[in-house]
Amino acid sequence: MIKAVVMDVEGTTTDIAFVHKVLFPYARTRLAAFIEEQGDTPAVAEILRAVSLEAGLAEDDRAGQLAALIRWIDEDKKVTPLKALQGLIWRCGYEAGDFTGHVYPEVAPVLEAWRRRGLRLAVYSSGSVEAQQLLFGYSDAGDLQGLFEANFDTRIGHKREQGSYDNIAKALALPAEAILFLSDIKEELAAAKLAGFKVCQLVRPGTQAAEGYPQAHDFKEINP
């Protein structure tokens, strides 16, 4: 029996275009000014130290840090300090009302129905926990973050590695077979399946269907 549903964000609950055409450009264009203004605050300074460690730079090499961050954005790298910094910039955008977090129209009512049935809900995305909470907290459908009991990002492990899903099962204190994982990415589904999760691929417009996995075109087609 499924007791928890863990879901990806980009391409699953949320249109990929929102992330790539709204969020990424917003952070990219504001990155230099944000680092200039906030670089000495404890939270941002810690992130910049992690950037230096990841990129092999001196801790005070601001130009090198900025260049590395821009390069990672352009290469769509899933680098934890980049995701953390983007989350801080996106918070400014959400709070200013520059945009709201996109979710597909059926997602909110289905998640609410699952919660009423007693299912536990969690998010696992390469985007930072901060970014996840902002997207769902400032979503098109209102504040949905309260529906989730847990948020996971790459700090628990990379999404295409079995061990990450082992860690999530431990964090939720559930056997793997009691967890359903939803994603649009074949390699993520494969890793979750190896860990013992039940899986389902969301085949949204533009998604390449993966043979050998259960599939749904929207959340209404899923019955955990």
Protein backbone atom coordinates (compact mmCIF):
# COMPACT_ATOMS: atom_id res chain seq x y z
CA MET A 1 0.00 0.00 0.00
CA ILE A 2 1.33 3.44 -0.95
CA LYS A 3 1.68 5.71 2.07
CA ALA A 4 3.67 8.58 0.60
CA VAL A 5 4.08 10.29 -2.77
CA VAL A 6 7.39 11.98 -3.55
CA MET A 7 7.39 14.20 -6.61
CA ASP A 8 9.79 15.98 -8.89
CA VAL A 9 8.99 19.59 -9.82
CA GLU A 10 10.27 20.61 -13.26
CA GLY A 11 8.30 18.73 -15.92
CA THR A 12 6.14 17.01 -13.29
CA THR A 13 4.18 19.56 -11.25
CA THR A 14 5.53 22.54 -13.17
CA ASP A 15 6.05 23.45 -16.81
CA ILE A 16 9.74 23.29 -17.73
CA ALA A 17 9.28 26.57 -19.62
CA PHE A 18 8.54 28.41 -16.36
CA VAL A 19 11.88 27.35 -14.92
CA HIS A 20 13.94 27.96 -18.06
CA LYS A 21 12.21 31.05 -19.42
CA VAL A 22 11.24 32.84 -16.20
CA LEU A 23 13.25 31.70 -13.17
CA PHE A 24 16.66 31.07 -14.71
CA PRO A 25 16.84 34.36 -16.67
CA TYR A 26 15.56 36.30 -13.66
CA ALA A 27 18.37 35.00 -11.46
CA ARG A 28 21.02 35.29 -14.16
CA THR A 29 20.39 38.97 -14.87
CA ARG A 30 20.41 39.86 -11.15
CA LEU A 31 23.28 37.65 -10.03
CA ALA A 32 26.13 40.18 -10.16
CA ALA A 33 24.20 42.92 -8.39
CA PHE A 34 22.91 40.51 -5.75
CA ILE A 35 26.42 39.27 -4.94
CA GLU A 36 27.71 42.86 -4.83
CA GLU A 37 24.96 43.89 -2.43
CA GLN A 38 24.62 40.75 -0.31
CA GLY A 39 27.99 39.00 -0.64
CA ASP A 40 29.14 39.89 2.87
CA THR A 41 25.98 38.68 4.63
CA PRO A 42 26.48 35.37 6.45
CA ALA A 43 24.10 33.35 4.28
CA VAL A 44 25.49 34.54 0.95
CA ALA A 45 29.12 34.45 2.12
CA GLU A 46 28.67 30.79 3.07
CA ILE A 47 27.26 30.01 -0.37
CA LEU A 48 30.14 31.83 -2.07
CA ARG A 49 32.65 29.81 -0.04
CA ALA A 50 30.93 26.67 -1.33
CA VAL A 51 31.18 28.04 -4.89
CA SER A 52 34.92 28.54 -4.42
CA LEU A 53 35.33 25.03 -3.05
CA GLU A 54 33.37 23.53 -5.94
CA ALA A 55 35.21 25.58 -8.60
CA GLY A 56 38.69 25.45 -7.05
CA LEU A 57 38.89 29.20 -6.41
CA ALA A 58 40.22 31.39 -3.64
CA GLU A 59 37.55 32.28 -1.08
CA ASP A 60 37.74 35.99 -1.93
CA ASP A 61 37.74 35.60 -5.73
CA ARG A 62 34.42 37.29 -6.42
CA ALA A 63 35.06 37.61 -10.16
CA GLY A 64 35.87 33.93 -10.39
CA GLN A 65 32.81 32.99 -8.32
CA LEU A 66 30.52 35.03 -10.55
CA ALA A 67 32.05 33.53 -13.70
CA ALA A 68 31.63 30.01 -12.31
CA LEU A 69 27.99 30.66 -11.37
CA ILE A 70 27.18 32.08 -14.82
CA ARG A 71 28.88 29.11 -16.47
CA TRP A 72 26.90 26.66 -14.35
CA ILE A 73 23.65 28.44 -15.24
CA ASP A 74 24.47 28.35 -18.96
CA GLU A 75 25.39 24.67 -18.73
CA ASP A 76 22.32 23.87 -16.56
CA LYS A 77 24.52 22.31 -13.90
CA LYS A 78 22.83 20.89 -10.80
CA VAL A 79 25.32 22.45 -8.39
CA THR A 80 24.09 22.89 -4.81
CA PRO A 81 25.54 26.38 -4.07
CA LEU A 82 24.18 27.71 -7.38
CA LYS A 83 20.72 26.40 -6.54
CA ALA A 84 20.92 27.95 -3.07
CA LEU A 85 21.89 31.36 -4.46
CA GLN A 86 19.19 31.23 -7.13
CA GLY A 87 16.67 30.50 -4.37
CA LEU A 88 17.62 33.68 -2.53
CA ILE A 89 17.25 35.77 -5.68
CA TRP A 90 13.94 34.14 -6.58
CA ARG A 91 12.62 34.93 -3.10
CA CYS A 92 13.02 38.61 -3.93
CA GLY A 93 11.07 38.08 -7.16
CA TYR A 94 8.23 36.14 -5.54
CA GLU A 95 7.91 38.60 -2.66
CA ALA A 96 7.91 41.54 -5.09
CA GLY A 97 5.15 39.90 -7.14
CA ASP A 98 7.31 39.76 -10.26
CA PHE A 99 5.96 36.24 -10.93
CA THR A 100 4.11 33.35 -9.28
CA GLY A 101 5.13 29.70 -9.26
CA HIS A 102 3.64 27.73 -12.12
CA VAL A 103 1.81 24.49 -11.33
CA TYR A 104 -0.31 22.57 -13.80
CA PRO A 105 -4.04 23.22 -13.19
CA GLU A 106 -4.90 19.76 -11.89
CA VAL A 107 -2.01 19.52 -9.45
CA ALA A 108 -3.42 21.47 -6.49
CA PRO A 109 -6.84 19.75 -6.30
CA VAL A 110 -5.27 16.31 -6.70
CA LEU A 111 -2.69 16.96 -4.00
CA GLU A 112 -5.42 18.19 -1.68
CA ALA A 113 -7.45 15.03 -2.37
CA TRP A 114 -4.43 12.84 -1.66
CA ARG A 115 -3.85 14.59 1.63
CA ARG A 116 -7.50 14.06 2.61
CA ARG A 117 -6.94 10.34 1.96
CA GLY A 118 -4.06 10.42 4.42
CA LEU A 119 -1.21 10.21 1.92
CA ARG A 120 2.03 11.88 2.95
CA LEU A 121 3.48 14.24 0.32
CA ALA A 122 7.06 15.32 -0.31
CA VAL A 123 9.09 17.06 -3.00
CA TYR A 124 12.46 15.95 -4.38
CA SER A 125 14.03 18.34 -6.87
CA SER A 126 17.47 19.41 -8.03
CA GLY A 127 16.28 22.91 -7.19
CA SER A 128 17.05 23.91 -3.61
CA VAL A 129 14.60 23.34 -0.78
CA GLU A 130 14.28 27.14 -0.61
CA ALA A 131 13.34 27.30 -4.30
CA GLN A 132 10.79 24.51 -3.90
CA GLN A 133 9.13 26.17 -0.92
CA LEU A 134 8.96 29.48 -2.75
CA LEU A 135 7.46 27.98 -5.91
CA PHE A 136 4.71 26.15 -4.02
CA GLY A 137 4.28 28.87 -1.40
CA TYR A 138 3.74 31.54 -4.09
CA SER A 139 2.08 29.29 -6.69
CA ASP A 140 -0.55 30.17 -9.26
CA ALA A 141 -3.00 28.22 -7.07
CA GLY A 142 -2.03 29.95 -3.82
CA ASP A 143 0.07 28.63 -0.95
CA LEU A 144 0.49 24.88 -1.49
CA GLN A 145 3.63 24.39 0.59
CA GLY A 146 1.55 23.36 3.60
CA LEU A 147 0.51 20.21 1.73
CA PHE A 148 4.07 18.85 1.89
CA GLU A 149 5.65 17.39 4.98
CA ALA A 150 9.17 17.26 3.52
CA ASN A 151 11.33 18.83 0.83
CA PHE A 152 14.51 17.20 -0.47
CA ASP A 153 17.21 18.55 -2.79
CA THR A 154 20.67 17.45 -3.91
CA ARG A 155 21.97 17.62 -0.35
CA ILE A 156 20.32 14.23 0.17
CA GLY A 157 21.95 12.93 -3.01
CA HIS A 158 21.78 13.31 -6.77
CA LYS A 159 18.54 12.38 -8.45
CA ARG A 160 19.94 9.71 -10.73
CA GLU A 161 21.57 7.72 -7.93
CA GLN A 162 19.86 4.89 -6.06
CA GLY A 163 21.36 5.94 -2.73
CA SER A 164 19.43 9.21 -2.81
CA TYR A 165 16.15 7.34 -2.72
CA ASP A 166 17.42 5.05 0.03
CA ASN A 167 18.11 8.22 2.02
CA ILE A 168 14.63 9.60 1.33
CA ALA A 169 12.99 6.37 2.50
CA LYS A 170 15.02 6.58 5.71
CA ALA A 171 14.10 10.23 6.19
CA LEU A 172 10.40 9.42 5.79
CA ALA A 173 10.76 6.31 8.00
CA LEU A 174 8.90 4.23 5.41
CA PRO A 175 9.75 1.06 3.50
CA ALA A 176 10.69 1.90 -0.09
CA GLU A 177 7.77 -0.08 -1.52
CA ALA A 178 5.33 2.21 0.35
CA ILE A 179 6.56 5.27 -1.58
CA LEU A 180 5.48 6.36 -5.06
CA PHE A 181 7.93 8.58 -6.96
CA LEU A 182 6.70 10.83 -9.78
CA SER A 183 9.06 12.29 -12.38
CA ASP A 184 9.34 13.00 -16.07
CA ILE A 185 12.95 11.76 -16.26
CA LYS A 186 13.70 8.11 -17.08
CA GLU A 187 17.03 8.02 -15.24
CA GLU A 188 15.42 9.31 -12.04
CA LEU A 189 12.66 6.73 -12.28
CA ALA A 190 15.26 4.01 -12.83
CA ALA A 191 17.23 5.04 -9.72
CA ALA A 192 14.08 5.20 -7.58
CA LYS A 193 12.93 1.80 -8.87
CA LEU A 194 16.30 0.25 -7.98
CA ALA A 195 15.77 1.55 -4.44
CA GLY A 196 12.42 -0.25 -4.33
CA PHE A 197 10.10 2.72 -4.88
CA LYS A 198 6.98 2.44 -6.97
CA VAL A 199 7.33 4.88 -9.87
CA CYS A 200 5.26 6.69 -12.50
CA GLN A 201 6.42 8.90 -15.34
CA LEU A 202 4.58 12.16 -16.01
CA VAL A 203 4.41 12.52 -19.78
CA ARG A 204 3.72 16.24 -20.17
CA PRO A 205 3.80 17.99 -23.57
CA GLY A 206 7.31 17.68 -24.95
CA THR A 207 8.28 14.83 -22.60
CA GLN A 208 9.85 11.72 -24.13
CA ALA A 209 7.91 8.68 -22.96
CA ALA A 210 10.14 6.04 -21.31
CA GLU A 211 9.39 2.41 -22.16
CA GLY A 212 8.96 0.03 -19.27
CA TYR A 213 7.53 2.49 -16.75
CA PRO A 214 3.93 3.27 -15.76
CA GLN A 215 2.88 6.59 -17.27
CA ALA A 216 0.34 9.34 -16.72
CA HIS A 217 -0.34 12.53 -18.63
CA ASP A 218 -1.48 14.45 -15.54
CA PHE A 219 -2.03 13.90 -11.84
CA LYS A 220 -5.71 12.99 -12.33
CA GLU A 221 -4.60 9.76 -14.02
CA ILE A 222 -2.60 8.65 -10.97
CA ASN A 223 -4.25 6.59 -8.24
CA PRO A 224 -1.69 5.83 -5.51
